Amino acid sequence: MAHFSMQFGRTEHGKTYLERPSVYGLCTRNDEKIALVRIGTIDRHVYDLPGGGVESGESDAEAVVREFDEETGLTVWPTRQLCRAGQFWINQGTPTNSLCSFFEVELTATDGRPSEPDHQLVWTSMDEAMRKVRHDAHSWAILLWLRERRNGERGRD
């Protein structure tokens, strides 16, 4: 599949946006529910695809495996890169353009626990995930992945 690139979010006049390479994974179970991370407290939280910033000297594939483990406790293996997208947002007070690489990942183990205390693994339907995620880039990646999967099934009919 070709790597599509899109830019999401809006900039605020007068702010300089730091570019931050980041990775996110799309992972489903046999029941076709997708993994999301609920970040925050019960009263105040957001939803993201599991993932985050790429550390210095780390490949995108290594980063998505590490981030999945930290945020969900799940062990995954990246099977392929799906797409790329930028997302302008304010990250803990810092204007940021997350340069996101989205990966399809395969679930290989489920026996871990998130190491980040304010993160909780949530399994949800694809449609619900597209509505819940806070970033438009994440919703777009889920939609692109879902459409590709559905088109692949039609091609086998």
Protein backbone atom coordinates (compact mmCIF):
# COMPACT_ATOMS: atom_id res chain seq x y z
CA MET A 1 0.00 0.00 0.00
CA ALA A 2 1.21 3.52 -0.73
CA HIS A 3 2.05 5.70 2.24
CA PHE A 4 -0.43 8.54 2.37
CA SER A 5 0.42 11.76 4.19
CA MET A 6 -2.08 14.20 5.64
CA GLN A 7 -1.91 17.13 8.05
CA PHE A 8 -4.53 17.58 10.77
CA GLY A 9 -5.25 20.20 13.41
CA ARG A 10 -4.92 23.95 13.39
CA THR A 11 -2.07 26.19 14.33
CA GLU A 12 -2.44 29.25 16.51
CA HIS A 13 -1.00 32.49 15.19
CA GLY A 14 2.33 33.41 16.76
CA LYS A 15 3.16 29.93 18.06
CA THR A 16 6.05 27.83 16.82
CA TYR A 17 5.24 24.11 16.61
CA LEU A 18 7.91 21.59 17.56
CA GLU A 19 8.01 18.62 15.18
CA ARG A 20 7.93 15.36 17.14
CA PRO A 21 8.29 11.97 15.39
CA SER A 22 5.74 9.57 16.85
CA VAL A 23 4.28 6.13 16.20
CA TYR A 24 0.91 4.50 16.84
CA GLY A 25 -0.37 0.97 16.43
CA LEU A 26 -3.67 -0.44 15.25
CA CYS A 27 -4.35 -3.77 16.94
CA THR A 28 -7.51 -5.88 16.96
CA ARG A 29 -8.60 -9.00 18.78
CA ASN A 30 -10.53 -11.91 17.26
CA ASP A 31 -13.79 -10.12 18.11
CA GLU A 32 -12.70 -7.22 15.81
CA LYS A 33 -12.40 -4.75 18.70
CA ILE A 34 -9.51 -2.30 18.49
CA ALA A 35 -7.12 -1.35 21.29
CA LEU A 36 -7.29 2.23 22.59
CA VAL A 37 -5.65 3.82 25.60
CA ARG A 38 -7.70 5.88 28.02
CA ILE A 39 -5.37 8.51 29.48
CA GLY A 40 -6.27 10.38 32.66
CA THR A 41 -8.75 9.86 35.45
CA ILE A 42 -12.29 8.46 35.33
CA ASP A 43 -13.62 12.04 35.53
CA ARG A 44 -11.24 13.61 33.02
CA HIS A 45 -9.69 11.54 30.26
CA VAL A 46 -8.92 11.27 26.54
CA TYR A 47 -8.54 8.33 24.17
CA ASP A 48 -5.63 7.64 21.82
CA LEU A 49 -4.32 4.77 19.77
CA PRO A 50 -1.47 3.18 21.74
CA GLY A 51 1.80 4.90 20.90
CA GLY A 52 3.86 8.00 21.40
CA GLY A 53 7.18 9.65 20.72
CA VAL A 54 10.11 7.98 19.03
CA GLU A 55 13.24 8.10 21.20
CA SER A 56 16.69 9.01 19.88
CA GLY A 57 18.36 6.08 18.09
CA GLU A 58 15.12 4.07 18.00
CA SER A 59 13.45 2.85 14.80
CA ASP A 60 9.74 3.45 14.28
CA ALA A 61 9.07 -0.30 14.60
CA GLU A 62 11.02 -0.48 17.90
CA ALA A 63 9.16 2.55 19.21
CA VAL A 64 5.69 1.13 18.51
CA VAL A 65 6.60 -2.12 20.32
CA ARG A 66 7.95 -0.18 23.33
CA GLU A 67 5.03 2.25 23.46
CA PHE A 68 2.45 -0.56 23.28
CA ASP A 69 4.12 -2.30 26.21
CA GLU A 70 4.36 0.89 28.29
CA GLU A 71 0.81 2.07 27.64
CA THR A 72 -1.15 -1.21 27.50
CA GLY A 73 1.03 -4.03 28.83
CA LEU A 74 0.47 -5.83 25.50
CA THR A 75 3.28 -7.29 23.43
CA VAL A 76 2.88 -6.60 19.73
CA TRP A 77 4.81 -7.05 16.52
CA PRO A 78 4.51 -4.44 13.74
CA THR A 79 3.46 -6.16 10.53
CA ARG A 80 3.44 -3.11 8.23
CA GLN A 81 3.31 0.63 8.13
CA LEU A 82 -0.10 1.91 7.03
CA CYS A 83 0.18 5.66 6.63
CA ARG A 84 1.66 8.88 7.95
CA ALA A 85 -0.03 12.04 9.19
CA GLY A 86 0.83 15.21 11.04
CA GLN A 87 -1.27 16.38 13.99
CA PHE A 88 -0.98 19.93 15.33
CA TRP A 89 -1.87 20.10 19.04
CA ILE A 90 -0.78 21.53 22.36
CA ASN A 91 1.10 18.80 24.25
CA GLN A 92 1.36 19.67 27.96
CA GLY A 93 1.65 23.37 27.09
CA THR A 94 4.03 22.87 24.14
CA PRO A 95 2.78 23.56 20.60
CA THR A 96 3.56 20.30 18.80
CA ASN A 97 3.21 18.81 15.34
CA SER A 98 3.26 15.07 15.94
CA LEU A 99 4.66 13.48 12.79
CA CYS A 100 2.78 10.19 13.17
CA SER A 101 3.58 6.86 11.57
CA PHE A 102 0.72 4.39 11.94
CA PHE A 103 1.41 0.65 11.99
CA GLU A 104 -0.74 -2.43 11.78
CA VAL A 105 0.46 -4.59 14.67
CA GLU A 106 -0.10 -8.23 15.59
CA LEU A 107 -0.91 -9.10 19.20
CA THR A 108 1.64 -11.64 20.49
CA ALA A 109 1.12 -11.58 24.30
CA THR A 110 -1.48 -10.17 26.69
CA ASP A 111 -0.02 -10.90 30.11
CA GLY A 112 1.60 -7.54 30.91
CA ARG A 113 0.42 -4.41 32.69
CA PRO A 114 0.84 -0.77 31.61
CA SER A 115 3.82 0.92 33.27
CA GLU A 116 2.20 4.34 32.92
CA PRO A 117 -0.20 4.71 35.88
CA ASP A 118 -2.70 7.04 34.14
CA HIS A 119 -3.08 4.75 31.09
CA GLN A 120 -5.71 2.05 30.76
CA LEU A 121 -6.24 -0.39 27.88
CA VAL A 122 -9.75 -0.24 26.42
CA TRP A 123 -11.09 -2.52 23.66
CA THR A 124 -13.81 -0.91 21.54
CA SER A 125 -15.54 -1.22 18.17
CA MET A 126 -13.94 0.48 15.18
CA ASP A 127 -16.80 2.97 14.82
CA GLU A 128 -16.67 3.87 18.50
CA ALA A 129 -12.88 4.23 18.32
CA MET A 130 -13.12 6.71 15.44
CA ARG A 131 -15.49 8.83 17.54
CA LYS A 132 -13.53 8.56 20.81
CA VAL A 133 -9.95 9.31 19.79
CA ARG A 134 -8.96 12.90 20.49
CA HIS A 135 -6.83 13.42 17.38
CA ASP A 136 -8.25 13.58 13.87
CA ALA A 137 -5.10 11.90 12.54
CA HIS A 138 -5.89 8.81 14.65
CA SER A 139 -9.48 8.68 13.43
CA TRP A 140 -8.30 9.01 9.81
CA ALA A 141 -5.78 6.16 10.25
CA ILE A 142 -8.49 3.90 11.72
CA LEU A 143 -10.85 4.73 8.84
CA LEU A 144 -8.14 4.14 6.23
CA TRP A 145 -7.25 0.79 7.83
CA LEU A 146 -10.89 -0.28 8.13
CA ARG A 147 -11.65 0.62 4.50
CA GLU A 148 -8.57 -1.28 3.33
CA ARG A 149 -9.58 -4.37 5.33
CA ARG A 150 -13.16 -4.25 4.02
CA ASN A 151 -11.98 -3.78 0.42
CA GLY A 152 -9.61 -6.75 0.82
CA GLU A 153 -12.51 -8.93 1.98
CA ARG A 154 -14.57 -7.89 -1.05
CA GLY A 155 -11.68 -8.79 -3.33
CA ARG A 156 -11.82 -12.39 -2.04
CA ASP A 157 -15.54 -12.82 -2.81
